[in-house]
Protein backbone atom coordinates (compact mmCIF):
# COMPACT_ATOMS: atom_id res chain seq x y z
CA MET A 1 95.29 92.22 103.98
CA SER A 2 97.88 89.73 105.25
CA LYS A 3 98.22 86.31 103.61
CA LEU A 4 97.35 84.50 106.84
CA TYR A 5 94.09 86.51 107.15
CA ALA A 6 93.21 85.87 103.45
CA TYR A 7 93.93 82.14 103.92
CA SER A 8 91.70 81.96 107.05
CA ARG A 9 88.92 83.91 105.23
CA THR A 10 89.15 81.53 102.31
CA MET A 11 89.00 78.47 104.46
CA ALA A 12 86.03 79.99 106.45
CA GLY A 13 84.25 80.57 103.12
CA ILE A 14 84.91 77.01 101.96
CA ALA A 15 83.59 75.67 105.27
CA ARG A 16 80.50 77.92 105.05
CA ARG A 17 79.74 76.95 101.50
CA ALA A 18 80.24 73.24 102.24
CA SER A 19 77.84 73.40 105.19
CA GLU A 20 75.20 75.22 103.10
CA ARG A 21 75.46 72.54 100.40
CA GLY A 22 75.35 69.74 102.97
CA GLN A 23 78.84 68.38 102.03
CA PRO A 24 80.78 66.52 104.63
CA ILE A 25 83.69 68.02 106.56
CA ALA A 26 86.04 65.56 104.79
CA ALA A 27 85.58 67.60 101.62
CA ILE A 28 86.80 70.67 103.46
CA GLU A 29 89.84 68.80 104.85
CA ALA A 30 90.64 67.56 101.37
CA VAL A 31 90.71 71.09 100.06
CA ARG A 32 92.69 72.27 103.13
CA GLU A 33 95.36 69.54 102.44
CA GLU A 34 95.50 70.48 98.72
CA ILE A 35 96.10 74.12 99.58
CA ALA A 36 98.82 73.14 102.09
CA LEU A 37 100.62 71.18 99.34
CA VAL A 38 100.56 74.06 96.98
CA ALA A 39 101.70 76.57 99.58
CA VAL A 40 104.93 74.75 100.41
CA PRO A 41 107.86 76.72 99.01
CA VAL A 42 110.31 74.77 96.96
CA ALA A 43 113.89 76.13 96.81
CA ASP A 44 114.71 74.50 93.50
CA ASN A 45 112.42 76.73 91.49
CA VAL A 46 113.11 80.01 93.23
CA VAL A 47 114.91 82.51 90.98
CA ARG A 48 116.49 85.72 92.33
CA LEU A 49 115.76 88.70 90.13
CA VAL A 50 118.92 90.67 89.43
CA ILE A 51 118.50 93.95 87.66
CA PRO A 52 121.71 94.95 86.05
CA ARG A 53 123.05 98.32 87.11
CA THR A 54 124.12 101.07 84.76
CA GLU A 55 127.72 102.36 84.78
CA ALA A 56 126.76 105.33 86.93
CA GLN A 57 124.92 103.13 89.45
CA THR A 58 128.04 100.84 89.66
CA ILE A 59 130.18 103.93 90.41
CA ILE A 60 127.86 105.07 93.10
CA ALA A 61 127.81 101.59 94.66
CA ASP A 62 131.64 101.50 94.64
CA ILE A 63 131.84 104.92 96.32
CA ALA A 64 129.30 103.82 98.89
CA ARG A 65 131.25 100.71 99.67
CA LYS A 66 134.46 102.72 99.94
CA HIS A 67 132.80 104.99 102.56
CA GLY A 68 131.24 102.06 104.40
CA LEU A 69 127.72 102.86 103.26
CA LYS A 70 125.06 101.34 101.08
CA PHE A 71 123.87 102.47 97.62
CA ALA A 72 120.55 103.49 99.20
CA ASP A 73 122.35 105.81 101.71
CA ILE A 74 123.96 107.71 98.87
CA ILE A 75 120.79 108.38 97.02
CA GLY A 76 118.70 108.61 100.16
CA LYS A 77 117.44 111.67 102.09
CA SER A 78 120.12 111.54 104.84
CA ARG A 79 121.99 114.77 105.67
CA ARG A 80 124.56 113.23 107.96
CA ARG A 81 128.05 114.58 107.23
CA ASN A 82 129.59 111.26 106.25
CA VAL A 83 126.72 110.52 103.86
CA ILE A 84 126.98 114.01 102.34
CA GLU A 85 130.73 113.65 101.74
CA ALA A 86 130.22 110.22 100.18
CA ARG A 87 127.40 111.66 97.97
CA PHE A 88 129.64 114.53 96.88
CA ASP A 89 132.42 112.03 95.98
CA ALA A 90 129.89 109.95 94.01
CA VAL A 91 128.61 112.91 92.01
CA ALA A 92 132.09 113.95 91.18
CA ALA A 93 133.09 110.39 90.14
CA VAL A 94 130.04 110.01 87.95
CA LYS A 95 130.60 113.37 86.32
CA THR A 96 134.24 112.51 85.68
CA ALA A 97 133.27 109.18 84.18
CA ARG A 98 130.40 110.60 82.17
CA PRO A 99 131.28 114.25 81.31
CA SER A 100 128.40 114.42 78.87
CA MET A 101 125.85 113.90 81.66
CA SER A 102 123.82 117.12 82.32
CA LEU A 103 123.24 118.50 85.76
CA ASN A 104 119.60 117.59 85.47
CA GLN A 105 120.56 113.97 84.77
CA LEU A 106 122.96 113.91 87.61
CA GLY A 107 120.32 115.27 89.91
CA ARG A 108 117.76 112.75 88.81
CA LEU A 109 120.24 109.91 89.30
CA PHE A 110 120.90 111.02 92.85
CA ARG A 111 117.21 111.95 93.43
CA ARG A 112 118.26 115.56 94.04
CA ASP A 113 117.79 118.95 92.31
CA HIS A 114 120.31 119.87 89.64
CA THR A 115 121.57 122.67 91.88
CA SER A 116 122.56 120.07 94.56
CA ALA A 117 124.67 118.26 91.88
CA LEU A 118 126.20 121.59 90.91
CA ALA A 119 127.02 122.34 94.57
CA ALA A 120 128.71 118.93 94.89
CA LEU A 121 130.79 119.53 91.80
CA ARG A 122 131.84 122.97 92.95
CA LYS A 123 132.83 121.57 96.30
CA ARG A 124 135.03 119.02 94.52
CA GLY A 125 136.43 121.76 92.15
CA LEU A 126 134.86 120.33 88.98
CA ALA A 127 132.51 123.21 88.14
């Protein structure tokens, strides 16, 4: 349900209940003005949520930037050649930075199977 639909349904409900109770239309308009005041966004109190990245995610983002891609492209489902090469580079870079990371953990980080991480490492001569 969209917000506009929900708003119009709410106002329709207020109007219906006001007419059932015999209240004047001015009461409906007062409620409408009150809702409009509440719905105005204020830029001063808007806070952008920033979730800190792990070391591995930072490495992936750096590799993506180097290849002209986004973080989401690297961990996404694309099988385009340039994305695959960047993904292989990222897997190798993360494994080099964190040698204790298992293949299962690498696969989970890249949203792939552990054998895909193994194939990337073999392709880069690290396994």
